[in-house]
Amino acid sequence: MSNGWRVSRIVDGDTVVVTRGRKALTLRLIGIDTPETVHPTEPIECFGPEASAYASQRLLRQPVVLEFDRSQGRLDYYGRTLAYLWVQSASAPWLFNQRAVKMGFANEYTYDSEYSWRPEFLRAERSARDQHRGLWRACR
């Protein structure tokens, strides 16, 4: 875990920039995939703007803790840091990656290998799909 970060920019629903002092990291959030909004060769996808707006509303300027997963490595193909994002709230920290799936703003996404939180993310996706939340209502 890595403390002391703050979300400074939302790239899209599954990619954010965090800062700590003068250091900035672009994060690709482990275990989720949101509809495209900024891909240079892909059109904006159904529910992409809503997923990006959800990330902005929940994360922008929030203090966060980064959790890394050895099974995923540290960087993705594009050089982004792979991490889970824990939001530090007054009541209790919560895992943004999982909540985005549970609320229907993201799909569970396994890249090359299974990751630590995968069973929880699969349950969250099943719940969102069964209850027709978010993209499961708008895009299917």
N, C-alpha and C. Protein backbone atom coordinates (compact mmCIF):
# COMPACT_ATOMS: atom_id res chain seq x y z
N MET A 1 0.85 -1.18 0.00
CA MET A 1 0.00 0.00 0.00
C MET A 1 0.89 1.23 0.00
N SER A 2 0.40 2.26 -0.66
CA SER A 2 1.14 3.50 -0.75
C SER A 2 0.20 4.66 -0.40
N ASN A 3 0.51 5.36 0.69
CA ASN A 3 -0.34 6.43 1.23
C ASN A 3 0.05 7.80 0.71
N GLY A 4 -0.81 8.78 1.01
CA GLY A 4 -0.49 10.18 0.78
C GLY A 4 -0.75 10.69 -0.62
N TRP A 5 -1.50 9.97 -1.42
CA TRP A 5 -1.81 10.39 -2.78
C TRP A 5 -3.14 11.12 -2.82
N ARG A 6 -3.31 11.92 -3.85
CA ARG A 6 -4.57 12.63 -4.08
C ARG A 6 -4.87 12.55 -5.58
N VAL A 7 -6.12 12.31 -5.93
CA VAL A 7 -6.50 12.23 -7.34
C VAL A 7 -6.53 13.65 -7.90
N SER A 8 -5.73 13.87 -8.94
CA SER A 8 -5.63 15.22 -9.53
C SER A 8 -6.32 15.34 -10.88
N ARG A 9 -6.52 14.19 -11.56
CA ARG A 9 -7.16 14.25 -12.88
C ARG A 9 -7.79 12.92 -13.20
N ILE A 10 -8.92 12.99 -13.88
CA ILE A 10 -9.60 11.79 -14.37
C ILE A 10 -9.36 11.73 -15.88
N VAL A 11 -8.73 10.67 -16.35
CA VAL A 11 -8.54 10.48 -17.78
C VAL A 11 -9.82 9.90 -18.36
N ASP A 12 -10.28 8.83 -17.75
CA ASP A 12 -11.57 8.22 -18.06
C ASP A 12 -11.97 7.36 -16.86
N GLY A 13 -12.95 6.52 -17.01
CA GLY A 13 -13.45 5.78 -15.86
C GLY A 13 -12.51 4.78 -15.24
N ASP A 14 -11.50 4.32 -15.97
CA ASP A 14 -10.56 3.34 -15.42
C ASP A 14 -9.11 3.82 -15.41
N THR A 15 -8.89 5.08 -15.68
CA THR A 15 -7.54 5.65 -15.69
C THR A 15 -7.58 7.03 -15.03
N VAL A 16 -6.73 7.21 -14.01
CA VAL A 16 -6.69 8.48 -13.29
C VAL A 16 -5.24 8.88 -13.05
N VAL A 17 -5.06 10.15 -12.71
CA VAL A 17 -3.74 10.64 -12.34
C VAL A 17 -3.79 11.01 -10.86
N VAL A 18 -2.79 10.53 -10.12
CA VAL A 18 -2.67 10.86 -8.70
C VAL A 18 -1.36 11.61 -8.49
N THR A 19 -1.36 12.46 -7.46
CA THR A 19 -0.15 13.21 -7.13
C THR A 19 0.14 13.08 -5.65
N ARG A 20 1.43 13.17 -5.35
CA ARG A 20 1.93 13.24 -3.97
C ARG A 20 3.12 14.17 -4.03
N GLY A 21 2.93 15.37 -3.48
CA GLY A 21 3.96 16.39 -3.62
C GLY A 21 4.10 16.74 -5.09
N ARG A 22 5.31 16.66 -5.62
CA ARG A 22 5.54 16.96 -7.04
C ARG A 22 5.49 15.72 -7.93
N LYS A 23 5.31 14.58 -7.32
CA LYS A 23 5.29 13.33 -8.09
C LYS A 23 3.88 13.05 -8.58
N ALA A 24 3.75 12.67 -9.85
CA ALA A 24 2.47 12.30 -10.44
C ALA A 24 2.58 10.91 -11.05
N LEU A 25 1.52 10.13 -10.91
CA LEU A 25 1.44 8.81 -11.52
C LEU A 25 0.12 8.69 -12.26
N THR A 26 0.19 8.12 -13.46
CA THR A 26 -1.02 7.76 -14.17
C THR A 26 -1.32 6.32 -13.81
N LEU A 27 -2.51 6.09 -13.29
CA LEU A 27 -2.92 4.75 -12.86
C LEU A 27 -3.92 4.14 -13.81
N ARG A 28 -3.70 2.87 -14.12
CA ARG A 28 -4.73 2.05 -14.78
C ARG A 28 -5.26 1.16 -13.69
N LEU A 29 -6.55 1.27 -13.41
CA LEU A 29 -7.15 0.59 -12.28
C LEU A 29 -7.33 -0.90 -12.56
N ILE A 30 -6.79 -1.71 -11.68
CA ILE A 30 -6.81 -3.16 -11.83
C ILE A 30 -8.24 -3.69 -11.71
N GLY A 31 -8.56 -4.65 -12.59
CA GLY A 31 -9.79 -5.41 -12.46
C GLY A 31 -11.03 -4.79 -13.05
N ILE A 32 -10.89 -3.62 -13.68
CA ILE A 32 -12.07 -2.99 -14.26
C ILE A 32 -11.79 -2.50 -15.67
N ASP A 33 -12.85 -2.38 -16.43
CA ASP A 33 -12.79 -1.77 -17.75
C ASP A 33 -14.06 -0.97 -17.92
N THR A 34 -13.90 0.30 -18.29
CA THR A 34 -15.07 1.15 -18.52
C THR A 34 -15.19 1.43 -20.00
N PRO A 35 -16.38 1.77 -20.45
CA PRO A 35 -16.56 2.11 -21.86
C PRO A 35 -15.64 3.27 -22.26
N GLU A 36 -15.16 3.22 -23.48
CA GLU A 36 -14.18 4.20 -23.98
C GLU A 36 -14.77 5.60 -24.11
N THR A 37 -13.92 6.59 -23.80
CA THR A 37 -14.27 7.99 -24.04
C THR A 37 -13.11 8.77 -24.64
N VAL A 38 -11.87 8.29 -24.48
CA VAL A 38 -10.72 9.06 -24.94
C VAL A 38 -9.76 8.27 -25.83
N HIS A 39 -10.11 7.06 -26.21
CA HIS A 39 -9.22 6.25 -27.04
C HIS A 39 -9.05 6.92 -28.40
N PRO A 40 -7.79 7.04 -28.87
CA PRO A 40 -7.56 7.77 -30.12
C PRO A 40 -8.15 7.14 -31.37
N THR A 41 -8.38 5.82 -31.35
CA THR A 41 -8.90 5.16 -32.55
C THR A 41 -10.28 4.53 -32.36
N GLU A 42 -10.86 4.71 -31.18
CA GLU A 42 -12.16 4.12 -30.88
C GLU A 42 -13.20 5.22 -30.66
N PRO A 43 -14.45 4.97 -31.04
CA PRO A 43 -15.51 5.96 -30.78
C PRO A 43 -15.88 5.97 -29.29
N ILE A 44 -16.55 7.01 -28.88
CA ILE A 44 -17.09 7.05 -27.52
C ILE A 44 -18.15 5.96 -27.42
N GLU A 45 -18.04 5.14 -26.39
CA GLU A 45 -18.94 4.00 -26.23
C GLU A 45 -20.09 4.33 -25.29
N CYS A 46 -21.13 3.53 -25.40
CA CYS A 46 -22.30 3.66 -24.54
C CYS A 46 -21.88 3.64 -23.07
N PHE A 47 -22.32 4.62 -22.33
CA PHE A 47 -22.11 4.79 -20.91
C PHE A 47 -20.68 5.20 -20.55
N GLY A 48 -19.84 5.47 -21.54
CA GLY A 48 -18.49 5.96 -21.26
C GLY A 48 -18.48 7.31 -20.57
N PRO A 49 -19.22 8.30 -21.09
CA PRO A 49 -19.25 9.60 -20.40
C PRO A 49 -19.77 9.49 -18.96
N GLU A 50 -20.75 8.64 -18.73
CA GLU A 50 -21.28 8.46 -17.39
C GLU A 50 -20.24 7.82 -16.46
N ALA A 51 -19.48 6.85 -16.98
CA ALA A 51 -18.43 6.22 -16.17
C ALA A 51 -17.34 7.23 -15.81
N SER A 52 -16.97 8.07 -16.76
CA SER A 52 -15.97 9.10 -16.48
C SER A 52 -16.50 10.12 -15.47
N ALA A 53 -17.77 10.49 -15.61
CA ALA A 53 -18.38 11.44 -14.67
C ALA A 53 -18.44 10.84 -13.26
N TYR A 54 -18.77 9.56 -13.17
CA TYR A 54 -18.81 8.88 -11.87
C TYR A 54 -17.43 8.93 -11.21
N ALA A 55 -16.39 8.62 -11.98
CA ALA A 55 -15.03 8.67 -11.44
C ALA A 55 -14.70 10.09 -10.98
N SER A 56 -15.06 11.09 -11.76
CA SER A 56 -14.80 12.48 -11.38
C SER A 56 -15.51 12.83 -10.08
N GLN A 57 -16.78 12.48 -9.99
CA GLN A 57 -17.57 12.82 -8.80
C GLN A 57 -17.04 12.14 -7.55
N ARG A 58 -16.58 10.91 -7.67
CA ARG A 58 -16.15 10.14 -6.50
C ARG A 58 -14.68 10.33 -6.15
N LEU A 59 -13.85 10.70 -7.14
CA LEU A 59 -12.41 10.67 -6.91
C LEU A 59 -11.68 12.01 -6.94
N LEU A 60 -12.12 12.93 -7.75
CA LEU A 60 -11.34 14.15 -7.97
C LEU A 60 -11.05 14.87 -6.65
N ARG A 61 -9.77 15.13 -6.44
CA ARG A 61 -9.23 15.82 -5.25
C ARG A 61 -9.34 15.00 -3.96
N GLN A 62 -9.72 13.75 -4.05
CA GLN A 62 -9.85 12.91 -2.85
C GLN A 62 -8.52 12.29 -2.46
N PRO A 63 -8.26 12.17 -1.15
CA PRO A 63 -7.09 11.42 -0.70
C PRO A 63 -7.31 9.93 -0.93
N VAL A 64 -6.29 9.28 -1.44
CA VAL A 64 -6.41 7.86 -1.76
C VAL A 64 -5.15 7.11 -1.34
N VAL A 65 -5.33 5.81 -1.20
CA VAL A 65 -4.22 4.89 -0.94
C VAL A 65 -4.15 3.94 -2.13
N LEU A 66 -2.96 3.71 -2.63
CA LEU A 66 -2.77 2.80 -3.76
C LEU A 66 -2.43 1.42 -3.22
N GLU A 67 -3.09 0.41 -3.75
CA GLU A 67 -2.76 -0.98 -3.43
C GLU A 67 -2.29 -1.63 -4.72
N PHE A 68 -1.14 -2.29 -4.63
CA PHE A 68 -0.57 -2.96 -5.79
C PHE A 68 -0.82 -4.45 -5.69
N ASP A 69 -0.70 -5.15 -6.81
CA ASP A 69 -0.98 -6.58 -6.86
C ASP A 69 0.15 -7.25 -7.62
N ARG A 70 0.93 -8.05 -6.94
CA ARG A 70 2.09 -8.71 -7.58
C ARG A 70 1.71 -9.53 -8.80
N SER A 71 0.50 -10.08 -8.79
CA SER A 71 0.07 -10.91 -9.91
C SER A 71 -0.07 -10.10 -11.20
N GLN A 72 -0.19 -8.78 -11.10
CA GLN A 72 -0.41 -7.93 -12.26
C GLN A 72 0.83 -7.17 -12.72
N GLY A 73 1.89 -7.22 -11.93
CA GLY A 73 3.06 -6.41 -12.24
C GLY A 73 2.82 -4.98 -11.83
N ARG A 74 3.78 -4.10 -12.08
CA ARG A 74 3.65 -2.72 -11.64
C ARG A 74 3.15 -1.80 -12.76
N LEU A 75 3.51 -2.09 -14.02
CA LEU A 75 3.14 -1.22 -15.13
C LEU A 75 2.41 -2.00 -16.21
N ASP A 76 1.50 -1.31 -16.92
CA ASP A 76 0.84 -1.94 -18.06
C ASP A 76 1.62 -1.65 -19.34
N TYR A 77 1.10 -2.10 -20.44
CA TYR A 77 1.73 -1.95 -21.76
C TYR A 77 2.04 -0.50 -22.11
N TYR A 78 1.22 0.44 -21.61
CA TYR A 78 1.39 1.86 -21.92
C TYR A 78 2.20 2.60 -20.87
N GLY A 79 2.76 1.89 -19.89
CA GLY A 79 3.57 2.52 -18.86
C GLY A 79 2.78 3.10 -17.70
N ARG A 80 1.49 2.79 -17.63
CA ARG A 80 0.68 3.27 -16.51
C ARG A 80 0.87 2.34 -15.32
N THR A 81 0.84 2.90 -14.13
CA THR A 81 0.96 2.11 -12.91
C THR A 81 -0.35 1.38 -12.66
N LEU A 82 -0.27 0.10 -12.39
CA LEU A 82 -1.44 -0.72 -12.12
C LEU A 82 -1.72 -0.73 -10.63
N ALA A 83 -2.95 -0.38 -10.25
CA ALA A 83 -3.25 -0.28 -8.82
C ALA A 83 -4.75 -0.40 -8.56
N TYR A 84 -5.05 -0.75 -7.31
CA TYR A 84 -6.38 -0.61 -6.76
C TYR A 84 -6.39 0.75 -6.07
N LEU A 85 -7.52 1.40 -6.03
CA LEU A 85 -7.60 2.74 -5.48
C LEU A 85 -8.56 2.76 -4.29
N TRP A 86 -8.00 2.93 -3.09
CA TRP A 86 -8.79 3.02 -1.87
C TRP A 86 -9.05 4.48 -1.55
N VAL A 87 -10.31 4.87 -1.48
CA VAL A 87 -10.69 6.24 -1.17
C VAL A 87 -10.77 6.37 0.35
N GLN A 88 -10.10 7.40 0.87
CA GLN A 88 -10.08 7.64 2.31
C GLN A 88 -11.24 8.54 2.70
N SER A 89 -12.34 7.94 3.16
CA SER A 89 -13.51 8.72 3.54
C SER A 89 -13.59 8.82 5.05
N ALA A 90 -14.48 9.68 5.53
CA ALA A 90 -14.63 9.90 6.97
C ALA A 90 -15.11 8.64 7.68
N SER A 91 -15.99 7.88 7.04
CA SER A 91 -16.54 6.69 7.70
C SER A 91 -15.58 5.50 7.63
N ALA A 92 -15.14 5.15 6.44
CA ALA A 92 -14.24 4.01 6.27
C ALA A 92 -13.68 4.05 4.84
N PRO A 93 -12.47 3.57 4.65
CA PRO A 93 -11.94 3.51 3.28
C PRO A 93 -12.77 2.55 2.43
N TRP A 94 -12.89 2.86 1.15
CA TRP A 94 -13.63 1.98 0.24
C TRP A 94 -12.86 1.85 -1.07
N LEU A 95 -13.04 0.71 -1.70
CA LEU A 95 -12.30 0.35 -2.91
C LEU A 95 -13.05 0.83 -4.14
N PHE A 96 -12.52 1.88 -4.78
CA PHE A 96 -13.20 2.46 -5.94
C PHE A 96 -13.39 1.43 -7.05
N ASN A 97 -12.37 0.65 -7.37
CA ASN A 97 -12.45 -0.32 -8.46
C ASN A 97 -13.69 -1.21 -8.30
N GLN A 98 -13.86 -1.76 -7.11
CA GLN A 98 -14.98 -2.66 -6.87
C GLN A 98 -16.31 -1.91 -6.91
N ARG A 99 -16.35 -0.73 -6.32
CA ARG A 99 -17.61 0.04 -6.29
C ARG A 99 -18.05 0.43 -7.70
N ALA A 100 -17.09 0.77 -8.57
CA ALA A 100 -17.45 1.13 -9.96
C ALA A 100 -18.13 -0.04 -10.66
N VAL A 101 -17.64 -1.25 -10.41
CA VAL A 101 -18.26 -2.45 -10.99
C VAL A 101 -19.64 -2.67 -10.38
N LYS A 102 -19.73 -2.59 -9.06
CA LYS A 102 -21.00 -2.84 -8.37
C LYS A 102 -22.09 -1.87 -8.78
N MET A 103 -21.72 -0.63 -9.08
CA MET A 103 -22.70 0.39 -9.45
C MET A 103 -23.00 0.38 -10.95
N GLY A 104 -22.33 -0.48 -11.71
CA GLY A 104 -22.62 -0.60 -13.13
C GLY A 104 -21.89 0.40 -14.02
N PHE A 105 -20.81 1.00 -13.51
CA PHE A 105 -20.03 1.94 -14.32
C PHE A 105 -18.83 1.27 -14.98
N ALA A 106 -18.57 0.01 -14.62
CA ALA A 106 -17.42 -0.71 -15.17
C ALA A 106 -17.76 -2.20 -15.25
N ASN A 107 -17.08 -2.87 -16.14
CA ASN A 107 -17.11 -4.33 -16.21
C ASN A 107 -15.93 -4.86 -15.41
N GLU A 108 -16.09 -6.06 -14.86
CA GLU A 108 -14.92 -6.77 -14.33
C GLU A 108 -14.02 -7.06 -15.51
N TYR A 109 -12.71 -6.92 -15.32
CA TYR A 109 -11.78 -7.11 -16.42
C TYR A 109 -10.53 -7.83 -15.93
N THR A 110 -10.30 -9.02 -16.46
CA THR A 110 -9.09 -9.77 -16.17
C THR A 110 -8.19 -9.67 -17.38
N TYR A 111 -7.00 -9.11 -17.22
CA TYR A 111 -6.11 -8.90 -18.36
C TYR A 111 -5.37 -10.19 -18.69
N ASP A 112 -4.21 -10.41 -18.16
CA ASP A 112 -3.45 -11.62 -18.46
C ASP A 112 -3.63 -12.71 -17.40
N SER A 113 -3.71 -12.30 -16.15
CA SER A 113 -3.79 -13.28 -15.07
C SER A 113 -4.78 -12.81 -14.02
N GLU A 114 -5.28 -13.77 -13.27
CA GLU A 114 -6.24 -13.43 -12.22
C GLU A 114 -5.57 -12.55 -11.18
N TYR A 115 -6.35 -11.68 -10.58
CA TYR A 115 -5.86 -10.72 -9.59
C TYR A 115 -6.52 -11.00 -8.25
N SER A 116 -5.98 -10.43 -7.20
CA SER A 116 -6.40 -10.74 -5.83
C SER A 116 -7.88 -10.50 -5.55
N TRP A 117 -8.44 -9.42 -6.03
CA TRP A 117 -9.81 -9.05 -5.72
C TRP A 117 -10.83 -9.60 -6.73
N ARG A 118 -10.41 -10.45 -7.64
CA ARG A 118 -11.28 -10.91 -8.72
C ARG A 118 -12.60 -11.54 -8.24
N PRO A 119 -12.59 -12.43 -7.24
CA PRO A 119 -13.89 -13.01 -6.81
C PRO A 119 -14.89 -11.94 -6.37
N GLU A 120 -14.42 -10.93 -5.65
CA GLU A 120 -15.30 -9.86 -5.20
C GLU A 120 -15.81 -9.03 -6.37
N PHE A 121 -14.94 -8.78 -7.35
CA PHE A 121 -15.34 -7.99 -8.52
C PHE A 121 -16.35 -8.76 -9.37
N LEU A 122 -16.17 -10.08 -9.49
CA LEU A 122 -17.13 -10.89 -10.24
C LEU A 122 -18.50 -10.88 -9.56
N ARG A 123 -18.52 -10.97 -8.23
CA ARG A 123 -19.79 -10.88 -7.50
C ARG A 123 -20.44 -9.52 -7.71
N ALA A 124 -19.62 -8.46 -7.67
CA ALA A 124 -20.14 -7.10 -7.87
C ALA A 124 -20.74 -6.96 -9.26
N GLU A 125 -20.07 -7.52 -10.27
CA GLU A 125 -20.60 -7.44 -11.63
C GLU A 125 -21.91 -8.22 -11.77
N ARG A 126 -21.95 -9.38 -11.16
CA ARG A 126 -23.18 -10.19 -11.21
C ARG A 126 -24.34 -9.42 -10.58
N SER A 127 -24.08 -8.76 -9.46
CA SER A 127 -25.11 -7.97 -8.79
C SER A 127 -25.58 -6.82 -9.68
N ALA A 128 -24.66 -6.10 -10.28
CA ALA A 128 -25.02 -4.97 -11.16
C ALA A 128 -25.83 -5.46 -12.35
N ARG A 129 -25.39 -6.56 -12.94
CA ARG A 129 -26.09 -7.12 -14.10
C ARG A 129 -27.49 -7.58 -13.72
N ASP A 130 -27.60 -8.32 -12.60
CA ASP A 130 -28.89 -8.83 -12.16
C ASP A 130 -29.87 -7.71 -11.82
N GLN A 131 -29.35 -6.60 -11.31
CA GLN A 131 -30.21 -5.48 -10.92
C GLN A 131 -30.29 -4.40 -12.01
N HIS A 132 -29.71 -4.68 -13.17
CA HIS A 132 -29.76 -3.77 -14.32
C HIS A 132 -29.29 -2.36 -13.97
N ARG A 133 -28.12 -2.30 -13.31
CA ARG A 133 -27.55 -1.01 -12.93
C ARG A 133 -26.63 -0.49 -14.03
N GLY A 134 -26.65 0.82 -14.20
CA GLY A 134 -25.67 1.50 -15.05
C GLY A 134 -25.65 0.98 -16.46
N LEU A 135 -24.47 0.56 -16.91
CA LEU A 135 -24.31 0.12 -18.30
C LEU A 135 -25.13 -1.13 -18.58
N TRP A 136 -25.47 -1.90 -17.57
CA TRP A 136 -26.29 -3.10 -17.77
C TRP A 136 -27.74 -2.73 -18.09
N ARG A 137 -28.13 -1.52 -17.77
CA ARG A 137 -29.46 -1.03 -18.13
C ARG A 137 -29.39 -0.25 -19.45
N ALA A 138 -28.39 0.59 -19.59
CA ALA A 138 -28.33 1.53 -20.71
C ALA A 138 -27.82 0.92 -22.02
N CYS A 139 -26.99 -0.11 -21.94
CA CYS A 139 -26.26 -0.53 -23.14
C CYS A 139 -26.55 -1.96 -23.59
N ARG A 140 -27.38 -2.67 -22.94
CA ARG A 140 -27.55 -4.08 -23.29
C ARG A 140 -28.84 -4.30 -24.03
